[in-house]
Amino acid sequence: MNYIKRGVAVLAYNHDFWFMPSSFFKKLGYEEVERQGSAVIMLKASKEVSNRCS
């Protein structure tokens, strides 16, 4: 049986402004995946689930 990972990705920002701060998502369990300037892609992975499509 094949297993795939799923999760939620967000685009957050590393700055002092209130809009989508990366520190907020870090408190919720998101991990930094990539960074470019002040923009940060963050991911919160979920459990592995069986792939019922195959």
PDB file of N, CA and C in Angstrom:
ATOM      1  N   MET A   1       0.842  -1.169   0.000  1.00  0.00           N
ATOM      2  CA  MET A   1       0.000   0.000   0.000  1.00  0.00           C
ATOM      3  C   MET A   1       0.894   1.241   0.000  1.00  0.00           C
ATOM      4  N   ASN A   2       0.571   2.212  -0.836  1.00  0.00           N
ATOM      5  CA  ASN A   2       1.336   3.458  -0.905  1.00  0.00           C
ATOM      6  C   ASN A   2       0.887   4.421   0.183  1.00  0.00           C
ATOM      7  N   TYR A   3       1.826   5.156   0.726  1.00  0.00           N
ATOM      8  CA  TYR A   3       1.509   6.174   1.723  1.00  0.00           C
ATOM      9  C   TYR A   3       1.969   7.534   1.218  1.00  0.00           C
ATOM     10  N   ILE A   4       1.176   8.544   1.478  1.00  0.00           N
ATOM     11  CA  ILE A   4       1.520   9.904   1.085  1.00  0.00           C
ATOM     12  C   ILE A   4       1.406  10.804   2.310  1.00  0.00           C
ATOM     13  N   LYS A   5       2.152  11.899   2.290  1.00  0.00           N
ATOM     14  CA  LYS A   5       2.068  12.870   3.373  1.00  0.00           C
ATOM     15  C   LYS A   5       1.224  14.038   2.912  1.00  0.00           C
ATOM     16  N   ARG A   6       0.447  14.556   3.831  1.00  0.00           N
ATOM     17  CA  ARG A   6      -0.370  15.719   3.534  1.00  0.00           C
ATOM     18  C   ARG A   6      -0.149  16.747   4.620  1.00  0.00           C
ATOM     19  N   GLY A   7      -0.495  17.969   4.309  1.00  0.00           N
ATOM     20  CA  GLY A   7      -0.354  19.031   5.290  1.00  0.00           C
ATOM     21  C   GLY A   7      -0.895  20.333   4.737  1.00  0.00           C
ATOM     22  N   VAL A   8      -0.597  21.391   5.443  1.00  0.00           N
ATOM     23  CA  VAL A   8      -1.052  22.727   5.066  1.00  0.00           C
ATOM     24  C   VAL A   8       0.165  23.625   4.953  1.00  0.00           C
ATOM     25  N   ALA A   9       0.264  24.351   3.841  1.00  0.00           N
ATOM     26  CA  ALA A   9       1.350  25.304   3.646  1.00  0.00           C
ATOM     27  C   ALA A   9       0.779  26.712   3.632  1.00  0.00           C
ATOM     28  N   VAL A  10       1.523  27.650   4.219  1.00  0.00           N
ATOM     29  CA  VAL A  10       1.111  29.054   4.233  1.00  0.00           C
ATOM     30  C   VAL A  10       2.297  29.926   3.841  1.00  0.00           C
ATOM     31  N   LEU A  11       1.982  31.079   3.289  1.00  0.00           N
ATOM     32  CA  LEU A  11       2.987  32.092   3.008  1.00  0.00           C
ATOM     33  C   LEU A  11       2.894  33.117   4.129  1.00  0.00           C
ATOM     34  N   ALA A  12       3.936  33.208   4.924  1.00  0.00           N
ATOM     35  CA  ALA A  12       3.970  34.133   6.060  1.00  0.00           C
ATOM     36  C   ALA A  12       5.110  35.125   5.844  1.00  0.00           C
ATOM     37  N   TYR A  13       5.188  36.100   6.732  1.00  0.00           N
ATOM     38  CA  TYR A  13       6.206  37.142   6.593  1.00  0.00           C
ATOM     39  C   TYR A  13       6.942  37.330   7.905  1.00  0.00           C
ATOM     40  N   ASN A  14       8.242  37.536   7.806  1.00  0.00           N
ATOM     41  CA  ASN A  14       9.083  37.748   8.968  1.00  0.00           C
ATOM     42  C   ASN A  14       9.333  39.250   9.105  1.00  0.00           C
ATOM     43  N   HIS A  15       8.370  39.951   9.688  1.00  0.00           N
ATOM     44  CA  HIS A  15       8.480  41.394   9.899  1.00  0.00           C
ATOM     45  C   HIS A  15       7.635  41.791  11.101  1.00  0.00           C
ATOM     46  N   ASP A  16       7.657  43.066  11.462  1.00  0.00           N
ATOM     47  CA  ASP A  16       6.944  43.544  12.649  1.00  0.00           C
ATOM     48  C   ASP A  16       5.517  43.963  12.351  1.00  0.00           C
ATOM     49  N   PHE A  17       5.074  43.818  11.126  1.00  0.00           N
ATOM     50  CA  PHE A  17       3.720  44.185  10.742  1.00  0.00           C
ATOM     51  C   PHE A  17       2.757  43.079  11.146  1.00  0.00           C
ATOM     52  N   TRP A  18       1.494  43.393  11.358  1.00  0.00           N
ATOM     53  CA  TRP A  18       0.514  42.434  11.886  1.00  0.00           C
ATOM     54  C   TRP A  18       0.072  41.378  10.866  1.00  0.00           C
ATOM     55  N   PHE A  19       0.276  41.586   9.577  1.00  0.00           N
ATOM     56  CA  PHE A  19      -0.276  40.709   8.550  1.00  0.00           C
ATOM     57  C   PHE A  19       0.559  39.453   8.368  1.00  0.00           C
ATOM     58  N   MET A  20      -0.013  38.305   8.676  1.00  0.00           N
ATOM     59  CA  MET A  20       0.575  36.974   8.452  1.00  0.00           C
ATOM     60  C   MET A  20       1.999  36.825   9.017  1.00  0.00           C
ATOM     61  N   PRO A  21       2.222  37.111  10.302  1.00  0.00           N
ATOM     62  CA  PRO A  21       3.572  36.975  10.857  1.00  0.00           C
ATOM     63  C   PRO A  21       3.975  35.508  11.021  1.00  0.00           C
ATOM     64  N   SER A  22       5.210  35.198  10.669  1.00  0.00           N
ATOM     65  CA  SER A  22       5.682  33.811  10.763  1.00  0.00           C
ATOM     66  C   SER A  22       5.712  33.338  12.211  1.00  0.00           C
ATOM     67  N   SER A  23       5.911  34.230  13.163  1.00  0.00           N
ATOM     68  CA  SER A  23       5.939  33.836  14.580  1.00  0.00           C
ATOM     69  C   SER A  23       4.588  33.264  15.030  1.00  0.00           C
ATOM     70  N   PHE A  24       3.504  33.768  14.489  1.00  0.00           N
ATOM     71  CA  PHE A  24       2.167  33.254  14.816  1.00  0.00           C
ATOM     72  C   PHE A  24       2.026  31.800  14.369  1.00  0.00           C
ATOM     73  N   PHE A  25       2.448  31.509  13.139  1.00  0.00           N
ATOM     74  CA  PHE A  25       2.324  30.154  12.608  1.00  0.00           C
ATOM     75  C   PHE A  25       3.289  29.197  13.312  1.00  0.00           C
ATOM     76  N   LYS A  26       4.450  29.695  13.711  1.00  0.00           N
ATOM     77  CA  LYS A  26       5.396  28.859  14.446  1.00  0.00           C
ATOM     78  C   LYS A  26       4.777  28.388  15.765  1.00  0.00           C
ATOM     79  N   LYS A  27       4.024  29.263  16.436  1.00  0.00           N
ATOM     80  CA  LYS A  27       3.347  28.896  17.683  1.00  0.00           C
ATOM     81  C   LYS A  27       2.290  27.826  17.453  1.00  0.00           C
ATOM     82  N   LEU A  28       1.748  27.760  16.236  1.00  0.00           N
ATOM     83  CA  LEU A  28       0.726  26.767  15.904  1.00  0.00           C
ATOM     84  C   LEU A  28       1.317  25.444  15.409  1.00  0.00           C
ATOM     85  N   GLY A  29       2.652  25.342  15.363  1.00  0.00           N
ATOM     86  CA  GLY A  29       3.289  24.085  14.973  1.00  0.00           C
ATOM     87  C   GLY A  29       3.775  24.022  13.542  1.00  0.00           C
ATOM     88  N   TYR A  30       3.752  25.134  12.825  1.00  0.00           N
ATOM     89  CA  TYR A  30       4.260  25.165  11.454  1.00  0.00           C
ATOM     90  C   TYR A  30       5.781  25.249  11.488  1.00  0.00           C
ATOM     91  N   GLU A  31       6.420  24.661  10.465  1.00  0.00           N
ATOM     92  CA  GLU A  31       7.878  24.696  10.349  1.00  0.00           C
ATOM     93  C   GLU A  31       8.262  25.459   9.091  1.00  0.00           C
ATOM     94  N   GLU A  32       9.358  26.191   9.172  1.00  0.00           N
ATOM     95  CA  GLU A  32       9.844  26.937   8.013  1.00  0.00           C
ATOM     96  C   GLU A  32      10.412  25.973   6.980  1.00  0.00           C
ATOM     97  N   VAL A  33       9.974  26.150   5.725  1.00  0.00           N
ATOM     98  CA  VAL A  33      10.441  25.295   4.637  1.00  0.00           C
ATOM     99  C   VAL A  33      11.393  26.062   3.725  1.00  0.00           C
ATOM    100  N   GLU A  34      11.047  27.286   3.402  1.00  0.00           N
ATOM    101  CA  GLU A  34      11.838  28.097   2.477  1.00  0.00           C
ATOM    102  C   GLU A  34      11.683  29.557   2.859  1.00  0.00           C
ATOM    103  N   ARG A  35      12.706  30.354   2.549  1.00  0.00           N
ATOM    104  CA  ARG A  35      12.685  31.779   2.856  1.00  0.00           C
ATOM    105  C   ARG A  35      13.276  32.555   1.679  1.00  0.00           C
ATOM    106  N   GLN A  36      12.645  33.687   1.361  1.00  0.00           N
ATOM    107  CA  GLN A  36      13.178  34.591   0.344  1.00  0.00           C
ATOM    108  C   GLN A  36      12.869  36.013   0.795  1.00  0.00           C
ATOM    109  N   GLY A  37      13.892  36.704   1.254  1.00  0.00           N
ATOM    110  CA  GLY A  37      13.680  38.025   1.833  1.00  0.00           C
ATOM    111  C   GLY A  37      12.868  37.900   3.107  1.00  0.00           C
ATOM    112  N   SER A  38      11.780  38.660   3.214  1.00  0.00           N
ATOM    113  CA  SER A  38      10.933  38.566   4.412  1.00  0.00           C
ATOM    114  C   SER A  38       9.804  37.546   4.251  1.00  0.00           C
ATOM    115  N   ALA A  39       9.636  36.981   3.043  1.00  0.00           N
ATOM    116  CA  ALA A  39       8.589  35.979   2.799  1.00  0.00           C
ATOM    117  C   ALA A  39       9.084  34.599   3.229  1.00  0.00           C
ATOM    118  N   VAL A  40       8.213  33.864   3.934  1.00  0.00           N
ATOM    119  CA  VAL A  40       8.569  32.547   4.465  1.00  0.00           C
ATOM    120  C   VAL A  40       7.461  31.561   4.115  1.00  0.00           C
ATOM    121  N   ILE A  41       7.815  30.428   3.513  1.00  0.00           N
ATOM    122  CA  ILE A  41       6.851  29.351   3.300  1.00  0.00           C
ATOM    123  C   ILE A  41       6.940  28.436   4.511  1.00  0.00           C
ATOM    124  N   MET A  42       5.790  28.197   5.140  1.00  0.00           N
ATOM    125  CA  MET A  42       5.743  27.364   6.338  1.00  0.00           C
ATOM    126  C   MET A  42       4.794  26.204   6.105  1.00  0.00           C
ATOM    127  N   LEU A  43       5.127  25.049   6.702  1.00  0.00           N
ATOM    128  CA  LEU A  43       4.364  23.828   6.490  1.00  0.00           C
ATOM    129  C   LEU A  43       4.010  23.192   7.826  1.00  0.00           C
ATOM    130  N   LYS A  44       2.771  22.745   7.915  1.00  0.00           N
ATOM    131  CA  LYS A  44       2.339  21.929   9.057  1.00  0.00           C
ATOM    132  C   LYS A  44       1.910  20.586   8.477  1.00  0.00           C
ATOM    133  N   ALA A  45       2.767  19.587   8.651  1.00  0.00           N
ATOM    134  CA  ALA A  45       2.508  18.269   8.077  1.00  0.00           C
ATOM    135  C   ALA A  45       1.502  17.512   8.931  1.00  0.00           C
ATOM    136  N   SER A  46       0.672  16.742   8.266  1.00  0.00           N
ATOM    137  CA  SER A  46      -0.269  15.880   8.980  1.00  0.00           C
ATOM    138  C   SER A  46       0.256  14.458   8.970  1.00  0.00           C
ATOM    139  N   LYS A  47      -0.500  13.549   9.533  1.00  0.00           N
ATOM    140  CA  LYS A  47      -0.091  12.149   9.581  1.00  0.00           C
ATOM    141  C   LYS A  47      -0.066  11.541   8.184  1.00  0.00           C
ATOM    142  N   GLU A  48       0.710  10.483   8.044  1.00  0.00           N
ATOM    143  CA  GLU A  48       0.694   9.737   6.799  1.00  0.00           C
ATOM    144  C   GLU A  48      -0.655   9.032   6.684  1.00  0.00           C
ATOM    145  N   VAL A  49      -1.210   9.036   5.489  1.00  0.00           N
ATOM    146  CA  VAL A  49      -2.482   8.368   5.253  1.00  0.00           C
ATOM    147  C   VAL A  49      -2.324   7.422   4.078  1.00  0.00           C
ATOM    148  N   SER A  50      -3.126   6.388   4.042  1.00  0.00           N
ATOM    149  CA  SER A  50      -3.027   5.449   2.934  1.00  0.00           C
ATOM    150  C   SER A  50      -3.601   6.098   1.675  1.00  0.00           C
ATOM    151  N   ASN A  51      -2.987   5.812   0.559  1.00  0.00           N
ATOM    152  CA  ASN A  51      -3.423   6.359  -0.721  1.00  0.00           C
ATOM    153  C   ASN A  51      -4.443   5.410  -1.308  1.00  0.00           C
ATOM    154  N   ARG A  52      -5.712   5.730  -1.200  1.00  0.00           N
ATOM    155  CA  ARG A  52      -6.783   4.844  -1.669  1.00  0.00           C
ATOM    156  C   ARG A  52      -7.006   4.962  -3.163  1.00  0.00           C
ATOM    157  N   CYS A  53      -6.328   5.885  -3.822  1.00  0.00           N
ATOM    158  CA  CYS A  53      -6.530   6.079  -5.267  1.00  0.00           C
ATOM    159  C   CYS A  53      -5.766   5.043  -6.080  1.00  0.00           C
ATOM    160  N   SER A  54      -4.752   4.394  -5.497  1.00  0.00           N
ATOM    161  CA  SER A  54      -3.971   3.446  -6.293  1.00  0.00           C
ATOM    162  C   SER A  54      -4.332   2.031  -6.001  1.00  0.00           C
TER     163      SER A  54
END
